[in-house]
Amino acid sequence: PEKYETVYPNILIVDDEKGIRDILRVFINISGYSCETVGSLREAQNKMEGKLFDIIFLDLNLEDGYGMDFIEKVLNENSDAIIVIVSGIPESKILVESIQNGAFDYVEKPFNLNNFHEKFESIIIEWRYRYLTKQYQLKFKDIFENYIKKKEINSKETRYEDFLNNSDVIIKPINNFIEKLNLPFPETRSHRERLASLCKLSGRKIGLKEESIMVLKYGAYLHDIGMSLEPSTILENPGLLSDDEIKLLKRHPITGFSIVERFPFFDKVSRLILHHHEWYNGDGYPIGLSEDTIPIEARIFSIIDAFDSMIIGRPYKKKMSYSETIKELRRSKGKQFDPLVVDTFVQIPEETINIIYIKKSTEEESYVTKNQHSND
């Protein structure tokens, strides 16, 4: 989803039947991608010595070896590789074993173009997901390394204190990075800024320490970073999603967590990202935590995020009035939301919240106008 040059996966077909290789190559070409083909494990290993392959279509029974051993070798060299088994015996024990050993999926012989296209589309979605996750991790690594280098901070304690007191030094490059993503509604700059302001307001109302307020603020900018890796056809769909689409969408907290959890001082932020769709009664996702096992920052943020979505609306849901939104928050106490946090949040005067929404809306219009002029 980044506005950079398009990247395509390196695809390799490993099968000792030329007819199978040719059919797969044609089907992949029809889908808009190119690939390389080999007829043996030896040739595949030679290819892999000079090139990293992202997607490998693999026949298990080859003349010069057993494909199952090859799966382990590939994944040891490239853990992000997507291995797709080519098999004429669906649901066989060998096929199940290969999936357990790390293969992503299988395609069934004889091939059908429509079935293959659907399967290949899911493979490309998974490749894109893995590729972008790694790219985002590298980008965040650069942001933090530049921060530490510019600050010339050596002490871990001093770093953390500086981190809390100078959050904009980190937030600005993060915001700039997010702006380069083709994120769908509601991931606008004003959406993130509104959430950040509401987080600060709510955190102080509840009596959180400054550290937890900063966790909320960073969460406002990063909570849905994992969403940007999912297909736009899902994110922008105003209708009902299929079970498979819902499953893909629900992995975004785990994706976001994996992107930021390894970086200094972001352990609590990563947990907010991971748990901001948990429900107080345990019916949420991705883990199903409940009550106080959900981090307090995630419990607070889930209410703020829901409030904003109801006030602003979504492509699939009309916006609600302030009174309707407050009524809905109260109705969901003890079910989706922490009752004490809801009771505290609704004490914030409507006039105070209106100031945030008017201010951020004006800033967004100014930002959009400025960018439009700069692109003319």
Protein backbone atom coordinates (compact mmCIF):
# COMPACT_ATOMS: atom_id res chain seq x y z
CA PRO A 1 0.00 0.00 0.00
CA GLU A 2 2.95 2.39 0.08
CA LYS A 3 3.28 4.92 -2.67
CA TYR A 4 6.64 3.55 -3.75
CA GLU A 5 7.62 1.49 -6.79
CA THR A 6 5.67 -1.71 -7.29
CA VAL A 7 7.44 -4.84 -6.06
CA TYR A 8 6.70 -8.32 -7.39
CA PRO A 9 7.50 -11.65 -5.74
CA ASN A 10 10.17 -14.01 -7.04
CA ILE A 11 8.30 -17.20 -7.95
CA LEU A 12 9.82 -20.64 -8.59
CA ILE A 13 8.08 -23.78 -9.88
CA VAL A 14 9.74 -27.11 -8.96
CA ASP A 15 8.21 -30.08 -10.79
CA ASP A 16 9.75 -32.89 -12.85
CA GLU A 17 6.86 -32.89 -15.36
CA LYS A 18 7.38 -30.27 -18.06
CA GLY A 19 3.67 -30.19 -18.85
CA ILE A 20 2.85 -29.28 -15.24
CA ARG A 21 5.54 -26.60 -15.19
CA ASP A 22 4.24 -25.08 -18.42
CA ILE A 23 0.61 -25.00 -17.27
CA LEU A 24 1.52 -23.37 -13.95
CA ARG A 25 3.73 -20.84 -15.71
CA VAL A 26 0.92 -19.88 -18.11
CA PHE A 27 -1.60 -19.55 -15.27
CA ILE A 28 0.81 -17.37 -13.29
CA ASN A 29 1.51 -15.23 -16.37
CA ILE A 30 -2.24 -14.79 -16.93
CA SER A 31 -2.49 -13.51 -13.34
CA GLY A 32 0.05 -10.82 -14.20
CA TYR A 33 3.20 -12.32 -12.68
CA SER A 34 6.36 -13.96 -14.00
CA CYS A 35 8.14 -17.03 -12.68
CA GLU A 36 11.06 -19.40 -13.17
CA THR A 37 10.79 -23.16 -13.58
CA VAL A 38 13.06 -26.12 -12.80
CA GLY A 39 12.63 -29.88 -13.08
CA SER A 40 14.60 -31.13 -10.08
CA LEU A 41 15.62 -30.32 -6.51
CA ARG A 42 19.23 -29.98 -7.63
CA GLU A 43 18.27 -27.29 -10.14
CA ALA A 44 16.12 -25.60 -7.50
CA GLN A 45 19.02 -25.50 -5.05
CA ASN A 46 21.29 -24.03 -7.73
CA LYS A 47 18.70 -21.32 -8.43
CA MET A 48 18.38 -20.54 -4.73
CA GLU A 49 22.12 -20.00 -4.34
CA GLY A 50 21.90 -16.81 -6.35
CA LYS A 51 18.36 -15.66 -5.65
CA LEU A 52 15.85 -15.50 -2.82
CA PHE A 53 12.46 -16.87 -3.86
CA ASP A 54 9.31 -15.62 -2.15
CA ILE A 55 6.84 -18.19 -3.51
CA ILE A 56 7.73 -21.78 -4.44
CA PHE A 57 5.34 -24.25 -6.09
CA LEU A 58 6.72 -27.65 -5.13
CA ASP A 59 5.99 -31.21 -6.22
CA LEU A 60 6.80 -33.55 -3.32
CA ASN A 61 7.76 -36.62 -5.37
CA LEU A 62 10.70 -35.67 -7.55
CA GLU A 63 13.16 -37.96 -9.31
CA ASP A 64 16.19 -36.71 -7.37
CA GLY A 65 14.71 -36.34 -3.91
CA TYR A 66 11.82 -35.89 -1.54
CA GLY A 67 10.18 -32.48 -1.44
CA MET A 68 9.44 -32.65 2.30
CA ASP A 69 13.14 -32.28 3.14
CA PHE A 70 13.34 -29.37 0.71
CA ILE A 71 10.61 -27.51 2.63
CA GLU A 72 12.76 -27.47 5.75
CA LYS A 73 15.82 -26.30 3.80
CA VAL A 74 13.92 -23.43 2.16
CA LEU A 75 12.37 -22.21 5.40
CA ASN A 76 15.71 -22.35 7.20
CA GLU A 77 17.14 -19.97 4.61
CA ASN A 78 14.04 -17.79 4.24
CA SER A 79 11.41 -18.13 6.96
CA ASP A 80 9.05 -15.82 5.04
CA ALA A 81 9.00 -18.03 1.93
CA ILE A 82 5.57 -19.27 0.88
CA ILE A 83 5.68 -22.91 -0.19
CA VAL A 84 2.72 -24.25 -2.15
CA ILE A 85 2.50 -28.00 -2.67
CA VAL A 86 1.49 -29.26 -6.12
CA SER A 87 -0.49 -32.45 -5.55
CA GLY A 88 -2.87 -34.78 -7.32
CA ILE A 89 -4.03 -36.31 -4.04
CA PRO A 90 -5.85 -33.65 -1.98
CA GLU A 91 -6.09 -34.13 1.79
CA SER A 92 -3.56 -36.99 1.73
CA LYS A 93 -1.46 -37.72 4.82
CA ILE A 94 1.65 -36.51 3.02
CA LEU A 95 -0.08 -33.25 2.13
CA VAL A 96 -1.23 -32.72 5.71
CA GLU A 97 2.31 -33.44 6.92
CA SER A 98 3.78 -30.90 4.50
CA ILE A 99 1.41 -28.21 5.78
CA GLN A 100 2.42 -29.08 9.35
CA ASN A 101 6.08 -28.76 8.32
CA GLY A 102 5.59 -25.21 7.09
CA ALA A 103 4.01 -25.32 3.63
CA PHE A 104 1.42 -22.57 3.21
CA ASP A 105 -1.12 -24.30 0.97
CA TYR A 106 -1.52 -26.66 -1.97
CA VAL A 107 -2.86 -26.59 -5.53
CA GLU A 108 -4.62 -29.65 -6.84
CA LYS A 109 -3.93 -31.44 -10.12
CA PRO A 110 -5.51 -31.44 -12.67
CA PHE A 111 -5.52 -27.66 -12.76
CA ASN A 112 -8.54 -25.44 -13.32
CA LEU A 113 -7.86 -21.82 -14.28
CA ASN A 114 -10.66 -20.33 -12.16
CA ASN A 115 -9.76 -22.38 -9.10
CA PHE A 116 -6.07 -21.63 -9.55
CA HIS A 117 -6.70 -17.90 -9.93
CA GLU A 118 -8.64 -17.81 -6.65
CA LYS A 119 -5.94 -19.80 -4.86
CA PHE A 120 -3.13 -17.72 -6.38
CA GLU A 121 -4.84 -14.52 -5.28
CA SER A 122 -4.81 -15.71 -1.66
CA ILE A 123 -1.13 -16.63 -2.04
CA ILE A 124 -0.28 -13.15 -3.32
CA ILE A 125 -2.22 -11.57 -0.45
CA GLU A 126 -0.17 -13.62 2.02
CA TRP A 127 3.11 -12.75 0.26
CA ARG A 128 2.21 -9.04 0.27
CA TYR A 129 1.34 -9.28 3.96
CA ARG A 130 4.67 -10.87 4.88
CA TYR A 131 6.72 -8.57 2.65
CA LEU A 132 5.14 -5.36 3.95
CA THR A 133 5.36 -6.49 7.57
CA LYS A 134 9.11 -6.78 7.14
CA GLN A 135 9.32 -3.42 5.32
CA TYR A 136 7.38 -1.69 8.09
CA GLN A 137 9.64 -3.25 10.72
CA LEU A 138 12.67 -1.90 8.87
CA LYS A 139 11.09 1.55 8.58
CA PHE A 140 10.36 1.74 12.29
CA LYS A 141 13.89 0.53 13.01
CA ASP A 142 15.21 3.47 10.97
CA ILE A 143 12.96 5.91 12.83
CA PHE A 144 14.22 4.78 16.23
CA GLU A 145 17.86 4.58 15.21
CA ASN A 146 17.70 8.12 13.81
CA TYR A 147 16.03 9.31 17.02
CA ILE A 148 18.75 7.81 19.22
CA LYS A 149 21.53 9.02 16.90
CA LYS A 150 20.23 12.60 16.77
CA LYS A 151 19.72 12.74 20.52
CA GLU A 152 23.14 11.20 21.21
CA ILE A 153 21.65 9.50 24.25
CA ASN A 154 23.60 6.67 25.84
CA SER A 155 21.87 5.98 29.15
CA LYS A 156 18.75 3.81 28.89
CA GLU A 157 17.09 5.71 31.75
CA THR A 158 17.84 9.08 30.15
CA ARG A 159 16.58 7.78 26.80
CA TYR A 160 13.25 6.79 28.32
CA GLU A 161 12.80 10.13 30.10
CA ASP A 162 13.64 11.97 26.88
CA PHE A 163 11.28 9.68 24.97
CA LEU A 164 8.38 10.67 27.24
CA ASN A 165 9.17 14.37 27.18
CA ASN A 166 9.82 14.66 23.43
CA SER A 167 7.23 12.39 21.87
CA ASP A 168 6.86 14.59 18.79
CA VAL A 169 10.41 13.65 17.76
CA ILE A 170 9.11 10.11 17.22
CA ILE A 171 5.50 10.88 16.29
CA LYS A 172 6.38 13.25 13.43
CA PRO A 173 8.33 10.69 11.33
CA ILE A 174 5.75 8.03 12.21
CA ASN A 175 2.99 10.34 11.00
CA ASN A 176 4.93 11.11 7.83
CA PHE A 177 5.35 7.39 7.20
CA ILE A 178 1.64 6.70 7.73
CA GLU A 179 0.78 9.53 5.33
CA LYS A 180 2.59 7.59 2.58
CA LEU A 181 0.25 4.64 3.01
CA ASN A 182 -2.94 4.35 1.01
CA LEU A 183 -4.97 3.83 4.16
CA PRO A 184 -8.73 3.84 3.66
CA PHE A 185 -11.27 5.76 5.68
CA PRO A 186 -11.11 6.46 8.62
CA GLU A 187 -7.30 6.50 8.73
CA THR A 188 -6.96 10.21 8.04
CA ARG A 189 -4.59 12.55 9.80
CA SER A 190 -7.51 14.17 11.65
CA HIS A 191 -8.72 10.74 12.83
CA ARG A 192 -5.37 10.02 14.45
CA GLU A 193 -5.12 13.52 15.91
CA ARG A 194 -8.66 13.33 17.33
CA LEU A 195 -7.90 10.02 18.97
CA ALA A 196 -4.63 11.35 20.38
CA SER A 197 -6.40 14.38 21.88
CA LEU A 198 -9.20 12.26 23.33
CA CYS A 199 -6.64 9.82 24.75
CA LYS A 200 -4.78 12.61 26.51
CA LEU A 201 -8.02 14.06 27.86
CA SER A 202 -9.38 10.70 29.01
CA GLY A 203 -6.10 9.55 30.51
CA ARG A 204 -5.88 12.62 32.72
CA LYS A 205 -9.56 12.38 33.64
CA ILE A 206 -9.02 8.80 34.80
CA GLY A 207 -5.83 9.77 36.64
CA LEU A 208 -3.24 7.85 34.63
CA LYS A 209 0.45 8.54 34.98
CA GLU A 210 2.13 10.45 32.18
CA GLU A 211 3.75 7.25 30.92
CA SER A 212 0.36 5.61 30.30
CA ILE A 213 -0.96 8.76 28.65
CA MET A 214 1.97 8.62 26.24
CA VAL A 215 1.16 4.95 25.54
CA LEU A 216 -2.38 6.04 24.62
CA LYS A 217 -1.06 8.83 22.42
CA TYR A 218 1.26 6.53 20.48
CA GLY A 219 -1.56 4.00 20.25
CA ALA A 220 -3.74 6.62 18.60
CA TYR A 221 -1.23 6.87 15.75
CA LEU A 222 -0.35 3.20 15.45
CA HIS A 223 -3.37 1.13 16.50
CA ASP A 224 -4.38 0.17 12.96
CA ILE A 225 -0.95 0.11 11.29
CA GLY A 226 -1.49 -3.60 10.69
CA MET A 227 -4.69 -2.83 8.79
CA SER A 228 -2.71 -1.25 5.96
CA LEU A 229 -1.34 -4.67 5.01
CA GLU A 230 -4.77 -6.07 4.22
CA PRO A 231 -6.33 -5.90 0.72
CA SER A 232 -8.12 -2.63 -0.08
CA THR A 233 -11.01 -4.67 -1.49
CA ILE A 234 -11.73 -5.77 2.08
CA LEU A 235 -11.06 -2.46 3.81
CA GLU A 236 -13.20 -0.42 1.43
CA ASN A 237 -16.05 -2.92 1.13
CA PRO A 238 -19.27 -1.25 2.37
CA GLY A 239 -21.14 -4.56 2.38
CA LEU A 240 -20.93 -7.79 4.34
CA LEU A 241 -17.58 -9.56 4.44
CA SER A 242 -17.09 -13.28 3.90
CA ASP A 243 -15.80 -15.48 6.72
CA ASP A 244 -12.36 -15.60 5.07
CA GLU A 245 -12.28 -11.79 4.72
CA ILE A 246 -13.24 -11.35 8.37
CA LYS A 247 -10.48 -13.77 9.35
CA LEU A 248 -7.92 -11.69 7.40
CA LEU A 249 -9.19 -8.45 8.90
CA LYS A 250 -9.03 -9.75 12.44
CA ARG A 251 -5.30 -10.45 12.22
CA HIS A 252 -4.41 -6.74 12.00
CA PRO A 253 -3.84 -6.32 15.78
CA ILE A 254 -1.32 -9.17 15.71
CA THR A 255 0.34 -7.67 12.63
CA GLY A 256 0.60 -4.24 14.24
CA PHE A 257 2.00 -5.81 17.39
CA SER A 258 4.69 -7.64 15.39
CA ILE A 259 5.72 -4.40 13.67
CA VAL A 260 6.36 -2.30 16.80
CA GLU A 261 6.87 -4.65 19.76
CA ARG A 262 10.62 -5.06 19.21
CA PHE A 263 11.44 -1.36 19.48
CA PRO A 264 12.67 0.50 22.58
CA PHE A 265 10.00 1.67 25.04
CA PHE A 266 7.16 0.38 22.85
CA ASP A 267 6.28 -2.76 24.81
CA LYS A 268 3.14 -1.20 26.31
CA VAL A 269 2.19 0.47 23.03
CA SER A 270 2.47 -2.87 21.25
CA ARG A 271 0.16 -4.44 23.84
CA LEU A 272 -2.39 -1.68 23.28
CA ILE A 273 -2.24 -2.41 19.56
CA LEU A 274 -2.61 -6.15 20.19
CA HIS A 275 -5.57 -5.85 22.58
CA HIS A 276 -7.59 -2.83 21.42
CA HIS A 277 -10.30 -5.10 20.00
CA GLU A 278 -10.67 -7.21 23.14
CA TRP A 279 -14.05 -7.03 24.89
CA TYR A 280 -14.54 -6.63 28.61
CA ASN A 281 -16.63 -9.83 28.72
CA GLY A 282 -14.03 -11.84 26.78
CA ASP A 283 -15.85 -11.93 23.42
CA GLY A 284 -13.29 -9.81 21.55
CA TYR A 285 -10.18 -10.71 19.58
CA PRO A 286 -7.43 -11.72 18.89
CA ILE A 287 -6.90 -13.53 22.21
CA GLY A 288 -10.20 -13.21 24.07
CA LEU A 289 -8.90 -11.48 27.21
CA SER A 290 -11.44 -10.13 29.68
CA GLU A 291 -11.79 -7.54 32.43
CA ASP A 292 -8.53 -6.58 34.14
CA THR A 293 -6.43 -8.97 32.06
CA ILE A 294 -6.84 -6.42 29.25
CA PRO A 295 -4.24 -3.65 29.71
CA ILE A 296 -5.85 -0.47 31.07
CA GLU A 297 -4.56 1.52 28.08
CA ALA A 298 -6.30 -0.87 25.68
CA ARG A 299 -9.54 -0.70 27.69
CA ILE A 300 -9.50 3.09 27.51
CA PHE A 301 -8.51 3.22 23.87
CA SER A 302 -11.23 0.80 22.72
CA ILE A 303 -13.87 3.20 24.08
CA ILE A 304 -12.28 6.23 22.42
CA ASP A 305 -11.94 4.43 19.08
CA ALA A 306 -15.57 3.28 19.24
CA PHE A 307 -16.73 6.78 20.20
CA ASP A 308 -14.96 8.30 17.20
CA SER A 309 -16.30 5.68 14.79
CA MET A 310 -19.87 6.34 15.94
CA ILE A 311 -19.57 10.13 15.86
CA ILE A 312 -17.84 10.26 12.45
CA GLY A 313 -19.47 7.20 10.87
CA ARG A 314 -18.09 4.54 8.56
CA PRO A 315 -18.79 3.52 4.95
CA TYR A 316 -20.90 0.69 6.34
CA LYS A 317 -22.48 2.61 9.23
CA LYS A 318 -24.15 6.01 9.52
CA LYS A 319 -22.77 8.50 12.00
CA MET A 320 -24.61 9.03 15.27
CA SER A 321 -25.35 12.08 17.38
CA TYR A 322 -23.42 12.74 20.58
CA SER A 323 -26.35 11.68 22.78
CA GLU A 324 -26.89 8.49 20.74
CA THR A 325 -23.19 7.66 21.01
CA ILE A 326 -23.09 8.16 24.78
CA LYS A 327 -26.22 6.01 25.11
CA GLU A 328 -24.54 3.25 23.07
CA LEU A 329 -21.39 3.37 25.21
CA ARG A 330 -23.47 3.04 28.36
CA ARG A 331 -25.47 0.19 26.85
CA SER A 332 -22.22 -1.69 26.16
CA LYS A 333 -20.86 -1.35 29.71
CA GLY A 334 -19.77 -4.68 31.11
CA LYS A 335 -20.09 -6.28 27.69
CA GLN A 336 -17.71 -4.58 25.27
CA PHE A 337 -16.35 -1.88 27.56
CA ASP A 338 -15.00 -1.47 31.08
CA PRO A 339 -17.90 0.06 33.11
CA LEU A 340 -15.65 2.31 35.21
CA VAL A 341 -13.85 3.68 32.15
CA VAL A 342 -17.16 4.39 30.39
CA ASP A 343 -18.50 6.18 33.48
CA THR A 344 -15.39 8.36 33.58
CA PHE A 345 -15.32 9.07 29.83
CA VAL A 346 -18.95 10.23 29.66
CA GLN A 347 -18.21 12.83 32.35
CA ILE A 348 -16.11 14.80 29.84
CA PRO A 349 -18.30 17.76 28.79
CA GLU A 350 -19.73 17.61 25.28
CA GLU A 351 -18.45 21.14 24.66
CA THR A 352 -14.87 20.02 25.36
CA ILE A 353 -15.16 17.14 22.91
CA ASN A 354 -16.74 19.42 20.29
CA ILE A 355 -13.70 21.71 20.47
CA ILE A 356 -11.44 18.76 19.61
CA TYR A 357 -13.57 17.72 16.64
CA ILE A 358 -13.92 21.23 15.23
CA LYS A 359 -10.19 21.94 15.64
CA LYS A 360 -9.00 18.67 14.08
CA SER A 361 -11.49 18.91 11.22
CA THR A 362 -10.20 22.40 10.37
CA GLU A 363 -6.59 21.20 10.54
CA GLU A 364 -7.40 18.28 8.21
CA GLU A 365 -9.01 20.59 5.63
CA SER A 366 -5.98 22.87 5.78
CA TYR A 367 -3.60 19.91 5.41
CA VAL A 368 -5.50 18.46 2.43
CA THR A 369 -5.67 21.86 0.70
CA LYS A 370 -1.94 22.40 1.25
CA ASN A 371 -1.09 18.99 -0.22
CA GLN A 372 -3.38 19.52 -3.20
CA HIS A 373 -1.60 22.77 -4.04
CA SER A 374 1.82 21.16 -3.61
CA ASN A 375 0.84 18.39 -6.04
CA ASP A 376 -0.51 20.74 -8.73
